[in-house]
Amino acid sequence: RDNAKNTVYLHMNSLKPEDTAVYYCNADIRPNIAVRSSDYWGQGTQ
């Protein structure tokens, strides 16, 4: 995770056929000071 860039990475090595899937990013984010945080999802990558 690189907090300065608001970025998370997944380094995948020794991949197996059973790793085949759509991978989704998830983050618990507080958009502004007036609201509570909630979960957000990416669109997914194959």
ModelCIF file with pLDDT and N, C-alpha, C, O atoms, coordinates in Angstrom:
data_MODEL
#
_entry.id   MODEL 
#
_entity.id                         1 
_entity.type                       polymer 
_entity.pdbx_number_of_molecules   1 
#
_entity_poly.entity_id                      1 
_entity_poly.type                           'polypeptide(L)' 
_entity_poly.nstd_linkage                   no 
_entity_poly.nstd_monomer                   no 
_entity_poly.pdbx_seq_one_letter_code       RDNAKNTVYLHMNSLKPEDTAVYYCNADIRPNIAVRSSDYWGQGTQ 
_entity_poly.pdbx_seq_one_letter_code_can   RDNAKNTVYLHMNSLKPEDTAVYYCNADIRPNIAVRSSDYWGQGTQ 
_entity_poly.pdbx_strand_id                 A 
#
loop_
_entity_poly_seq.entity_id 
_entity_poly_seq.num 
_entity_poly_seq.mon_id 
_entity_poly_seq.hetero 
1 1  ARG n 
1 2  ASP n 
1 3  ASN n 
1 4  ALA n 
1 5  LYS n 
1 6  ASN n 
1 7  THR n 
1 8  VAL n 
1 9  TYR n 
1 10 LEU n 
1 11 HIS n 
1 12 MET n 
1 13 ASN n 
1 14 SER n 
1 15 LEU n 
1 16 LYS n 
1 17 PRO n 
1 18 GLU n 
1 19 ASP n 
1 20 THR n 
1 21 ALA n 
1 22 VAL n 
1 23 TYR n 
1 24 TYR n 
1 25 CYS n 
1 26 ASN n 
1 27 ALA n 
1 28 ASP n 
1 29 ILE n 
1 30 ARG n 
1 31 PRO n 
1 32 ASN n 
1 33 ILE n 
1 34 ALA n 
1 35 VAL n 
1 36 ARG n 
1 37 SER n 
1 38 SER n 
1 39 ASP n 
1 40 TYR n 
1 41 TRP n 
1 42 GLY n 
1 43 GLN n 
1 44 GLY n 
1 45 THR n 
1 46 GLN n 
#
_struct_asym.id          A 
_struct_asym.entity_id   1 
#
loop_
_ma_qa_metric.id 
_ma_qa_metric.mode 
_ma_qa_metric.name 
_ma_qa_metric.software_group_id 
_ma_qa_metric.type 
1 global pLDDT . pLDDT 
2 local  pLDDT . pLDDT 
#
_ma_qa_metric_global.metric_id      1 
_ma_qa_metric_global.metric_value   96.57 
_ma_qa_metric_global.model_id       1 
_ma_qa_metric_global.ordinal_id     1 
#
loop_
_ma_qa_metric_local.label_asym_id 
_ma_qa_metric_local.label_comp_id 
_ma_qa_metric_local.label_seq_id 
_ma_qa_metric_local.metric_id 
_ma_qa_metric_local.metric_value 
_ma_qa_metric_local.model_id 
_ma_qa_metric_local.ordinal_id 
A ARG 1  2 95.00 1 1  
A ASP 2  2 95.00 1 2  
A ASN 3  2 93.00 1 3  
A ALA 4  2 93.00 1 4  
A LYS 5  2 95.00 1 5  
A ASN 6  2 96.00 1 6  
A THR 7  2 97.00 1 7  
A VAL 8  2 97.00 1 8  
A TYR 9  2 98.00 1 9  
A LEU 10 2 98.00 1 10 
A HIS 11 2 98.00 1 11 
A MET 12 2 98.00 1 12 
A ASN 13 2 98.00 1 13 
A SER 14 2 98.00 1 14 
A LEU 15 2 98.00 1 15 
A LYS 16 2 98.00 1 16 
A PRO 17 2 97.00 1 17 
A GLU 18 2 97.00 1 18 
A ASP 19 2 98.00 1 19 
A THR 20 2 98.00 1 20 
A ALA 21 2 98.00 1 21 
A VAL 22 2 98.00 1 22 
A TYR 23 2 98.00 1 23 
A TYR 24 2 98.00 1 24 
A CYS 25 2 98.00 1 25 
A ASN 26 2 97.00 1 26 
A ALA 27 2 97.00 1 27 
A ASP 28 2 97.00 1 28 
A ILE 29 2 96.00 1 29 
A ARG 30 2 96.00 1 30 
A PRO 31 2 95.00 1 31 
A ASN 32 2 93.00 1 32 
A ILE 33 2 94.00 1 33 
A ALA 34 2 95.00 1 34 
A VAL 35 2 94.00 1 35 
A ARG 36 2 95.00 1 36 
A SER 37 2 96.00 1 37 
A SER 38 2 95.00 1 38 
A ASP 39 2 96.00 1 39 
A TYR 40 2 97.00 1 40 
A TRP 41 2 97.00 1 41 
A GLY 42 2 98.00 1 42 
A GLN 43 2 97.00 1 43 
A GLY 44 2 97.00 1 44 
A THR 45 2 97.00 1 45 
A GLN 46 2 98.00 1 46 
#
loop_
_atom_site.group_PDB 
_atom_site.id 
_atom_site.type_symbol 
_atom_site.label_atom_id 
_atom_site.label_alt_id 
_atom_site.label_comp_id 
_atom_site.label_asym_id 
_atom_site.label_entity_id 
_atom_site.label_seq_id 
_atom_site.pdbx_PDB_ins_code 
_atom_site.Cartn_x 
_atom_site.Cartn_y 
_atom_site.Cartn_z 
_atom_site.occupancy 
_atom_site.B_iso_or_equiv 
_atom_site.pdbx_formal_charge 
_atom_site.auth_seq_id 
_atom_site.auth_comp_id 
_atom_site.auth_asym_id 
_atom_site.auth_atom_id 
_atom_site.pdbx_PDB_model_num 
ATOM 1   N N  . ARG A 1 1  ? 0.842   -1.191  0.000   1.00 95.00 ? 1  ARG A N  1 
ATOM 2   C CA . ARG A 1 1  ? 0.000   0.000   0.000   1.00 95.00 ? 1  ARG A CA 1 
ATOM 3   C C  . ARG A 1 1  ? 0.875   1.237   0.000   1.00 95.00 ? 1  ARG A C  1 
ATOM 4   O O  . ARG A 1 1  ? 1.865   1.308   0.727   1.00 95.00 ? 1  ARG A O  1 
ATOM 5   N N  . ASP A 1 2  ? 0.506   2.213   -0.819  1.00 95.00 ? 2  ASP A N  1 
ATOM 6   C CA . ASP A 1 2  ? 1.173   3.501   -0.874  1.00 95.00 ? 2  ASP A CA 1 
ATOM 7   C C  . ASP A 1 2  ? 0.138   4.547   -0.481  1.00 95.00 ? 2  ASP A C  1 
ATOM 8   O O  . ASP A 1 2  ? -0.659  4.979   -1.313  1.00 95.00 ? 2  ASP A O  1 
ATOM 9   N N  . ASN A 1 3  ? 0.150   4.951   0.775   1.00 93.00 ? 3  ASN A N  1 
ATOM 10  C CA . ASN A 1 3  ? -0.865  5.871   1.272   1.00 93.00 ? 3  ASN A CA 1 
ATOM 11  C C  . ASN A 1 3  ? -0.794  7.242   0.602   1.00 93.00 ? 3  ASN A C  1 
ATOM 12  O O  . ASN A 1 3  ? -1.822  7.888   0.403   1.00 93.00 ? 3  ASN A O  1 
ATOM 13  N N  . ALA A 1 4  ? 0.401   7.683   0.257   1.00 93.00 ? 4  ALA A N  1 
ATOM 14  C CA . ALA A 1 4  ? 0.551   8.983   -0.384  1.00 93.00 ? 4  ALA A CA 1 
ATOM 15  C C  . ALA A 1 4  ? -0.127  9.018   -1.749  1.00 93.00 ? 4  ALA A C  1 
ATOM 16  O O  . ALA A 1 4  ? -0.538  10.082  -2.212  1.00 93.00 ? 4  ALA A O  1 
ATOM 17  N N  . LYS A 1 5  ? -0.245  7.866   -2.391  1.00 95.00 ? 5  LYS A N  1 
ATOM 18  C CA . LYS A 1 5  ? -0.860  7.775   -3.709  1.00 95.00 ? 5  LYS A CA 1 
ATOM 19  C C  . LYS A 1 5  ? -2.251  7.166   -3.673  1.00 95.00 ? 5  LYS A C  1 
ATOM 20  O O  . LYS A 1 5  ? -2.859  6.954   -4.723  1.00 95.00 ? 5  LYS A O  1 
ATOM 21  N N  . ASN A 1 6  ? -2.767  6.880   -2.478  1.00 96.00 ? 6  ASN A N  1 
ATOM 22  C CA . ASN A 1 6  ? -4.071  6.231   -2.332  1.00 96.00 ? 6  ASN A CA 1 
ATOM 23  C C  . ASN A 1 6  ? -4.168  4.976   -3.190  1.00 96.00 ? 6  ASN A C  1 
ATOM 24  O O  . ASN A 1 6  ? -5.173  4.738   -3.860  1.00 96.00 ? 6  ASN A O  1 
ATOM 25  N N  . THR A 1 7  ? -3.114  4.185   -3.155  1.00 97.00 ? 7  THR A N  1 
ATOM 26  C CA . THR A 1 7  ? -3.003  3.033   -4.036  1.00 97.00 ? 7  THR A CA 1 
ATOM 27  C C  . THR A 1 7  ? -2.677  1.771   -3.250  1.00 97.00 ? 7  THR A C  1 
ATOM 28  O O  . THR A 1 7  ? -1.882  1.796   -2.310  1.00 97.00 ? 7  THR A O  1 
ATOM 29  N N  . VAL A 1 8  ? -3.299  0.675   -3.647  1.00 97.00 ? 8  VAL A N  1 
ATOM 30  C CA . VAL A 1 8  ? -2.985  -0.635  -3.098  1.00 97.00 ? 8  VAL A CA 1 
ATOM 31  C C  . VAL A 1 8  ? -2.614  -1.552  -4.253  1.00 97.00 ? 8  VAL A C  1 
ATOM 32  O O  . VAL A 1 8  ? -3.196  -1.472  -5.335  1.00 97.00 ? 8  VAL A O  1 
ATOM 33  N N  . TYR A 1 9  ? -1.647  -2.418  -4.016  1.00 98.00 ? 9  TYR A N  1 
ATOM 34  C CA . TYR A 1 9  ? -1.153  -3.334  -5.032  1.00 98.00 ? 9  TYR A CA 1 
ATOM 35  C C  . TYR A 1 9  ? -1.333  -4.774  -4.574  1.00 98.00 ? 9  TYR A C  1 
ATOM 36  O O  . TYR A 1 9  ? -1.385  -5.059  -3.377  1.00 98.00 ? 9  TYR A O  1 
ATOM 37  N N  . LEU A 1 10 ? -1.427  -5.663  -5.532  1.00 98.00 ? 10 LEU A N  1 
ATOM 38  C CA . LEU A 1 10 ? -1.401  -7.091  -5.264  1.00 98.00 ? 10 LEU A CA 1 
ATOM 39  C C  . LEU A 1 10 ? -0.368  -7.714  -6.185  1.00 98.00 ? 10 LEU A C  1 
ATOM 40  O O  . LEU A 1 10 ? -0.571  -7.805  -7.395  1.00 98.00 ? 10 LEU A O  1 
ATOM 41  N N  . HIS A 1 11 ? 0.738   -8.139  -5.600  1.00 98.00 ? 11 HIS A N  1 
ATOM 42  C CA . HIS A 1 11 ? 1.798   -8.803  -6.347  1.00 98.00 ? 11 HIS A CA 1 
ATOM 43  C C  . HIS A 1 11 ? 1.525   -10.301 -6.329  1.00 98.00 ? 11 HIS A C  1 
ATOM 44  O O  . HIS A 1 11 ? 1.515   -10.917 -5.263  1.00 98.00 ? 11 HIS A O  1 
ATOM 45  N N  . MET A 1 12 ? 1.304   -10.886 -7.489  1.00 98.00 ? 12 MET A N  1 
ATOM 46  C CA . MET A 1 12 ? 0.925   -12.284 -7.606  1.00 98.00 ? 12 MET A CA 1 
ATOM 47  C C  . MET A 1 12 ? 2.045   -13.046 -8.294  1.00 98.00 ? 12 MET A C  1 
ATOM 48  O O  . MET A 1 12 ? 2.391   -12.761 -9.441  1.00 98.00 ? 12 MET A O  1 
ATOM 49  N N  . ASN A 1 13 ? 2.602   -14.008 -7.593  1.00 98.00 ? 13 ASN A N  1 
ATOM 50  C CA . ASN A 1 13 ? 3.669   -14.849 -8.117  1.00 98.00 ? 13 ASN A CA 1 
ATOM 51  C C  . ASN A 1 13 ? 3.235   -16.308 -8.124  1.00 98.00 ? 13 ASN A C  1 
ATOM 52  O O  . ASN A 1 13 ? 2.272   -16.684 -7.457  1.00 98.00 ? 13 ASN A O  1 
ATOM 53  N N  . SER A 1 14 ? 3.948   -17.114 -8.877  1.00 98.00 ? 14 SER A N  1 
ATOM 54  C CA . SER A 1 14 ? 3.671   -18.554 -8.956  1.00 98.00 ? 14 SER A CA 1 
ATOM 55  C C  . SER A 1 14 ? 2.192   -18.816 -9.191  1.00 98.00 ? 14 SER A C  1 
ATOM 56  O O  . SER A 1 14 ? 1.573   -19.622 -8.495  1.00 98.00 ? 14 SER A O  1 
ATOM 57  N N  . LEU A 1 15 ? 1.640   -18.136 -10.166 1.00 98.00 ? 15 LEU A N  1 
ATOM 58  C CA . LEU A 1 15 ? 0.206   -18.221 -10.419 1.00 98.00 ? 15 LEU A CA 1 
ATOM 59  C C  . LEU A 1 15 ? -0.206  -19.615 -10.866 1.00 98.00 ? 15 LEU A C  1 
ATOM 60  O O  . LEU A 1 15 ? 0.527   -20.308 -11.572 1.00 98.00 ? 15 LEU A O  1 
ATOM 61  N N  . LYS A 1 16 ? -1.397  -20.005 -10.438 1.00 98.00 ? 16 LYS A N  1 
ATOM 62  C CA . LYS A 1 16 ? -1.973  -21.302 -10.749 1.00 98.00 ? 16 LYS A CA 1 
ATOM 63  C C  . LYS A 1 16 ? -3.279  -21.112 -11.510 1.00 98.00 ? 16 LYS A C  1 
ATOM 64  O O  . LYS A 1 16 ? -3.913  -20.064 -11.388 1.00 98.00 ? 16 LYS A O  1 
ATOM 65  N N  . PRO A 1 17 ? -3.692  -22.108 -12.294 1.00 97.00 ? 17 PRO A N  1 
ATOM 66  C CA . PRO A 1 17 ? -4.972  -21.986 -12.996 1.00 97.00 ? 17 PRO A CA 1 
ATOM 67  C C  . PRO A 1 17 ? -6.144  -21.679 -12.066 1.00 97.00 ? 17 PRO A C  1 
ATOM 68  O O  . PRO A 1 17 ? -7.075  -20.977 -12.461 1.00 97.00 ? 17 PRO A O  1 
ATOM 69  N N  . GLU A 1 18 ? -6.112  -22.192 -10.842 1.00 97.00 ? 18 GLU A N  1 
ATOM 70  C CA . GLU A 1 18 ? -7.188  -21.928 -9.903  1.00 97.00 ? 18 GLU A CA 1 
ATOM 71  C C  . GLU A 1 18 ? -7.220  -20.491 -9.398  1.00 97.00 ? 18 GLU A C  1 
ATOM 72  O O  . GLU A 1 18 ? -8.160  -20.106 -8.702  1.00 97.00 ? 18 GLU A O  1 
ATOM 73  N N  . ASP A 1 19 ? -6.213  -19.693 -9.733  1.00 98.00 ? 19 ASP A N  1 
ATOM 74  C CA . ASP A 1 19 ? -6.234  -18.270 -9.415  1.00 98.00 ? 19 ASP A CA 1 
ATOM 75  C C  . ASP A 1 19 ? -7.064  -17.478 -10.424 1.00 98.00 ? 19 ASP A C  1 
ATOM 76  O O  . ASP A 1 19 ? -7.311  -16.290 -10.220 1.00 98.00 ? 19 ASP A O  1 
ATOM 77  N N  . THR A 1 20 ? -7.491  -18.112 -11.493 1.00 98.00 ? 20 THR A N  1 
ATOM 78  C CA . THR A 1 20 ? -8.284  -17.441 -12.512 1.00 98.00 ? 20 THR A CA 1 
ATOM 79  C C  . THR A 1 20 ? -9.583  -16.916 -11.914 1.00 98.00 ? 20 THR A C  1 
ATOM 80  O O  . THR A 1 20 ? -10.354 -17.675 -11.326 1.00 98.00 ? 20 THR A O  1 
ATOM 81  N N  . ALA A 1 21 ? -9.821  -15.625 -12.065 1.00 98.00 ? 21 ALA A N  1 
ATOM 82  C CA . ALA A 1 21 ? -10.998 -14.988 -11.490 1.00 98.00 ? 21 ALA A CA 1 
ATOM 83  C C  . ALA A 1 21 ? -11.010 -13.520 -11.882 1.00 98.00 ? 21 ALA A C  1 
ATOM 84  O O  . ALA A 1 21 ? -10.038 -12.998 -12.429 1.00 98.00 ? 21 ALA A O  1 
ATOM 85  N N  . VAL A 1 22 ? -12.125 -12.866 -11.593 1.00 98.00 ? 22 VAL A N  1 
ATOM 86  C CA . VAL A 1 22 ? -12.172 -11.418 -11.640 1.00 98.00 ? 22 VAL A CA 1 
ATOM 87  C C  . VAL A 1 22 ? -11.736 -10.913 -10.275 1.00 98.00 ? 22 VAL A C  1 
ATOM 88  O O  . VAL A 1 22 ? -12.287 -11.319 -9.252  1.00 98.00 ? 22 VAL A O  1 
ATOM 89  N N  . TYR A 1 23 ? -10.760 -10.040 -10.260 1.00 98.00 ? 23 TYR A N  1 
ATOM 90  C CA . TYR A 1 23 ? -10.220 -9.504  -9.021  1.00 98.00 ? 23 TYR A CA 1 
ATOM 91  C C  . TYR A 1 23 ? -10.765 -8.104  -8.783  1.00 98.00 ? 23 TYR A C  1 
ATOM 92  O O  . TYR A 1 23 ? -10.718 -7.251  -9.670  1.00 98.00 ? 23 TYR A O  1 
ATOM 93  N N  . TYR A 1 24 ? -11.281 -7.872  -7.582  1.00 98.00 ? 24 TYR A N  1 
ATOM 94  C CA . TYR A 1 24 ? -11.908 -6.618  -7.222  1.00 98.00 ? 24 TYR A CA 1 
ATOM 95  C C  . TYR A 1 24 ? -11.135 -5.919  -6.103  1.00 98.00 ? 24 TYR A C  1 
ATOM 96  O O  . TYR A 1 24 ? -10.706 -6.550  -5.137  1.00 98.00 ? 24 TYR A O  1 
ATOM 97  N N  . CYS A 1 25 ? -10.972 -4.635  -6.249  1.00 98.00 ? 25 CYS A N  1 
ATOM 98  C CA . CYS A 1 25 ? -10.388 -3.809  -5.206  1.00 98.00 ? 25 CYS A CA 1 
ATOM 99  C C  . CYS A 1 25 ? -11.485 -3.326  -4.264  1.00 98.00 ? 25 CYS A C  1 
ATOM 100 O O  . CYS A 1 25 ? -12.589 -2.997  -4.700  1.00 98.00 ? 25 CYS A O  1 
ATOM 101 N N  . ASN A 1 26 ? -11.178 -3.285  -2.989  1.00 97.00 ? 26 ASN A N  1 
ATOM 102 C CA . ASN A 1 26 ? -12.114 -2.815  -1.975  1.00 97.00 ? 26 ASN A CA 1 
ATOM 103 C C  . ASN A 1 26 ? -11.403 -1.856  -1.029  1.00 97.00 ? 26 ASN A C  1 
ATOM 104 O O  . ASN A 1 26 ? -10.234 -2.051  -0.697  1.00 97.00 ? 26 ASN A O  1 
ATOM 105 N N  . ALA A 1 27 ? -12.113 -0.824  -0.598  1.00 97.00 ? 27 ALA A N  1 
ATOM 106 C CA . ALA A 1 27 ? -11.540 0.112   0.360   1.00 97.00 ? 27 ALA A CA 1 
ATOM 107 C C  . ALA A 1 27 ? -12.620 0.701   1.244   1.00 97.00 ? 27 ALA A C  1 
ATOM 108 O O  . ALA A 1 27 ? -13.725 0.995   0.788   1.00 97.00 ? 27 ALA A O  1 
ATOM 109 N N  . ASP A 1 28 ? -12.290 0.868   2.501   1.00 97.00 ? 28 ASP A N  1 
ATOM 110 C CA . ASP A 1 28 ? -13.165 1.537   3.468   1.00 97.00 ? 28 ASP A CA 1 
ATOM 111 C C  . ASP A 1 28 ? -12.733 3.000   3.509   1.00 97.00 ? 28 ASP A C  1 
ATOM 112 O O  . ASP A 1 28 ? -11.657 3.316   4.017   1.00 97.00 ? 28 ASP A O  1 
ATOM 113 N N  . ILE A 1 29 ? -13.570 3.897   2.973   1.00 96.00 ? 29 ILE A N  1 
ATOM 114 C CA . ILE A 1 29 ? -13.182 5.278   2.747   1.00 96.00 ? 29 ILE A CA 1 
ATOM 115 C C  . ILE A 1 29 ? -14.167 6.238   3.398   1.00 96.00 ? 29 ILE A C  1 
ATOM 116 O O  . ILE A 1 29 ? -15.382 6.055   3.318   1.00 96.00 ? 29 ILE A O  1 
ATOM 117 N N  . ARG A 1 30 ? -13.622 7.267   4.046   1.00 96.00 ? 30 ARG A N  1 
ATOM 118 C CA . ARG A 1 30 ? -14.410 8.377   4.545   1.00 96.00 ? 30 ARG A CA 1 
ATOM 119 C C  . ARG A 1 30 ? -14.268 9.522   3.557   1.00 96.00 ? 30 ARG A C  1 
ATOM 120 O O  . ARG A 1 30 ? -13.194 10.117  3.467   1.00 96.00 ? 30 ARG A O  1 
ATOM 121 N N  . PRO A 1 31 ? -15.333 9.854   2.804   1.00 95.00 ? 31 PRO A N  1 
ATOM 122 C CA . PRO A 1 31 ? -15.224 10.870  1.749   1.00 95.00 ? 31 PRO A CA 1 
ATOM 123 C C  . PRO A 1 31 ? -14.948 12.276  2.264   1.00 95.00 ? 31 PRO A C  1 
ATOM 124 O O  . PRO A 1 31 ? -14.191 13.022  1.643   1.00 95.00 ? 31 PRO A O  1 
ATOM 125 N N  . ASN A 1 32 ? -15.552 12.650  3.392   1.00 93.00 ? 32 ASN A N  1 
ATOM 126 C CA . ASN A 1 32 ? -15.342 13.970  3.967   1.00 93.00 ? 32 ASN A CA 1 
ATOM 127 C C  . ASN A 1 32 ? -15.633 13.918  5.453   1.00 93.00 ? 32 ASN A C  1 
ATOM 128 O O  . ASN A 1 32 ? -16.127 12.915  5.966   1.00 93.00 ? 32 ASN A O  1 
ATOM 129 N N  . ILE A 1 33 ? -15.326 14.994  6.132   1.00 94.00 ? 33 ILE A N  1 
ATOM 130 C CA . ILE A 1 33 ? -15.420 15.019  7.582   1.00 94.00 ? 33 ILE A CA 1 
ATOM 131 C C  . ILE A 1 33 ? -16.858 14.921  8.087   1.00 94.00 ? 33 ILE A C  1 
ATOM 132 O O  . ILE A 1 33 ? -17.077 14.577  9.249   1.00 94.00 ? 33 ILE A O  1 
ATOM 133 N N  . ALA A 1 34 ? -17.830 15.214  7.242   1.00 95.00 ? 34 ALA A N  1 
ATOM 134 C CA . ALA A 1 34 ? -19.228 15.248  7.659   1.00 95.00 ? 34 ALA A CA 1 
ATOM 135 C C  . ALA A 1 34 ? -19.913 13.889  7.629   1.00 95.00 ? 34 ALA A C  1 
ATOM 136 O O  . ALA A 1 34 ? -21.030 13.758  8.128   1.00 95.00 ? 34 ALA A O  1 
ATOM 137 N N  . VAL A 1 35 ? -19.268 12.872  7.055   1.00 94.00 ? 35 VAL A N  1 
ATOM 138 C CA . VAL A 1 35 ? -19.909 11.567  6.918   1.00 94.00 ? 35 VAL A CA 1 
ATOM 139 C C  . VAL A 1 35 ? -19.000 10.467  7.436   1.00 94.00 ? 35 VAL A C  1 
ATOM 140 O O  . VAL A 1 35 ? -17.790 10.648  7.572   1.00 94.00 ? 35 VAL A O  1 
ATOM 141 N N  . ARG A 1 36 ? -19.614 9.310   7.727   1.00 95.00 ? 36 ARG A N  1 
ATOM 142 C CA . ARG A 1 36 ? -18.869 8.144   8.155   1.00 95.00 ? 36 ARG A CA 1 
ATOM 143 C C  . ARG A 1 36 ? -18.264 7.433   6.952   1.00 95.00 ? 36 ARG A C  1 
ATOM 144 O O  . ARG A 1 36 ? -18.677 7.651   5.813   1.00 95.00 ? 36 ARG A O  1 
ATOM 145 N N  . SER A 1 37 ? -17.298 6.594   7.213   1.00 96.00 ? 37 SER A N  1 
ATOM 146 C CA . SER A 1 37 ? -16.695 5.817   6.146   1.00 96.00 ? 37 SER A CA 1 
ATOM 147 C C  . SER A 1 37 ? -17.622 4.692   5.707   1.00 96.00 ? 37 SER A C  1 
ATOM 148 O O  . SER A 1 37 ? -18.497 4.262   6.458   1.00 96.00 ? 37 SER A O  1 
ATOM 149 N N  . SER A 1 38 ? -17.419 4.226   4.485   1.00 95.00 ? 38 SER A N  1 
ATOM 150 C CA . SER A 1 38 ? -18.169 3.104   3.951   1.00 95.00 ? 38 SER A CA 1 
ATOM 151 C C  . SER A 1 38 ? -17.330 2.384   2.902   1.00 95.00 ? 38 SER A C  1 
ATOM 152 O O  . SER A 1 38 ? -16.312 2.904   2.445   1.00 95.00 ? 38 SER A O  1 
ATOM 153 N N  . ASP A 1 39 ? -17.766 1.185   2.526   1.00 96.00 ? 39 ASP A N  1 
ATOM 154 C CA . ASP A 1 39 ? -17.035 0.377   1.558   1.00 96.00 ? 39 ASP A CA 1 
ATOM 155 C C  . ASP A 1 39 ? -17.261 0.847   0.132   1.00 96.00 ? 39 ASP A C  1 
ATOM 156 O O  . ASP A 1 39 ? -18.372 1.213   -0.253  1.00 96.00 ? 39 ASP A O  1 
ATOM 157 N N  . TYR A 1 40 ? -16.183 0.830   -0.646  1.00 97.00 ? 40 TYR A N  1 
ATOM 158 C CA . TYR A 1 40 ? -16.233 1.118   -2.068  1.00 97.00 ? 40 TYR A CA 1 
ATOM 159 C C  . TYR A 1 40 ? -15.574 -0.026  -2.818  1.00 97.00 ? 40 TYR A C  1 
ATOM 160 O O  . TYR A 1 40 ? -14.652 -0.668  -2.315  1.00 97.00 ? 40 TYR A O  1 
ATOM 161 N N  . TRP A 1 41 ? -16.061 -0.272  -4.037  1.00 97.00 ? 41 TRP A N  1 
ATOM 162 C CA . TRP A 1 41 ? -15.567 -1.369  -4.865  1.00 97.00 ? 41 TRP A CA 1 
ATOM 163 C C  . TRP A 1 41 ? -15.161 -0.872  -6.240  1.00 97.00 ? 41 TRP A C  1 
ATOM 164 O O  . TRP A 1 41 ? -15.786 0.029   -6.799  1.00 97.00 ? 41 TRP A O  1 
ATOM 165 N N  . GLY A 1 42 ? -14.108 -1.469  -6.776  1.00 98.00 ? 42 GLY A N  1 
ATOM 166 C CA . GLY A 1 42 ? -13.744 -1.225  -8.155  1.00 98.00 ? 42 GLY A CA 1 
ATOM 167 C C  . GLY A 1 42 ? -14.583 -2.069  -9.095  1.00 98.00 ? 42 GLY A C  1 
ATOM 168 O O  . GLY A 1 42 ? -15.393 -2.886  -8.656  1.00 98.00 ? 42 GLY A O  1 
ATOM 169 N N  . GLN A 1 43 ? -14.386 -1.869  -10.382 1.00 97.00 ? 43 GLN A N  1 
ATOM 170 C CA . GLN A 1 43 ? -15.151 -2.585  -11.399 1.00 97.00 ? 43 GLN A CA 1 
ATOM 171 C C  . GLN A 1 43 ? -14.652 -4.008  -11.612 1.00 97.00 ? 43 GLN A C  1 
ATOM 172 O O  . GLN A 1 43 ? -15.379 -4.837  -12.160 1.00 97.00 ? 43 GLN A O  1 
ATOM 173 N N  . GLY A 1 44 ? -13.450 -4.302  -11.198 1.00 97.00 ? 44 GLY A N  1 
ATOM 174 C CA . GLY A 1 44 ? -12.876 -5.621  -11.361 1.00 97.00 ? 44 GLY A CA 1 
ATOM 175 C C  . GLY A 1 44 ? -11.952 -5.701  -12.561 1.00 97.00 ? 44 GLY A C  1 
ATOM 176 O O  . GLY A 1 44 ? -12.127 -4.988  -13.549 1.00 97.00 ? 44 GLY A O  1 
ATOM 177 N N  . THR A 1 45 ? -10.972 -6.574  -12.463 1.00 97.00 ? 45 THR A N  1 
ATOM 178 C CA . THR A 1 45 ? -10.056 -6.831  -13.566 1.00 97.00 ? 45 THR A CA 1 
ATOM 179 C C  . THR A 1 45 ? -9.851  -8.333  -13.697 1.00 97.00 ? 45 THR A C  1 
ATOM 180 O O  . THR A 1 45 ? -9.652  -9.031  -12.702 1.00 97.00 ? 45 THR A O  1 
ATOM 181 N N  . GLN A 1 46 ? -9.901  -8.825  -14.930 1.00 98.00 ? 46 GLN A N  1 
ATOM 182 C CA . GLN A 1 46 ? -9.832  -10.260 -15.187 1.00 98.00 ? 46 GLN A CA 1 
ATOM 183 C C  . GLN A 1 46 ? -8.396  -10.753 -15.125 1.00 98.00 ? 46 GLN A C  1 
ATOM 184 O O  . GLN A 1 46 ? -8.143  -11.942 -15.317 1.00 98.00 ? 46 GLN A O  1 
#
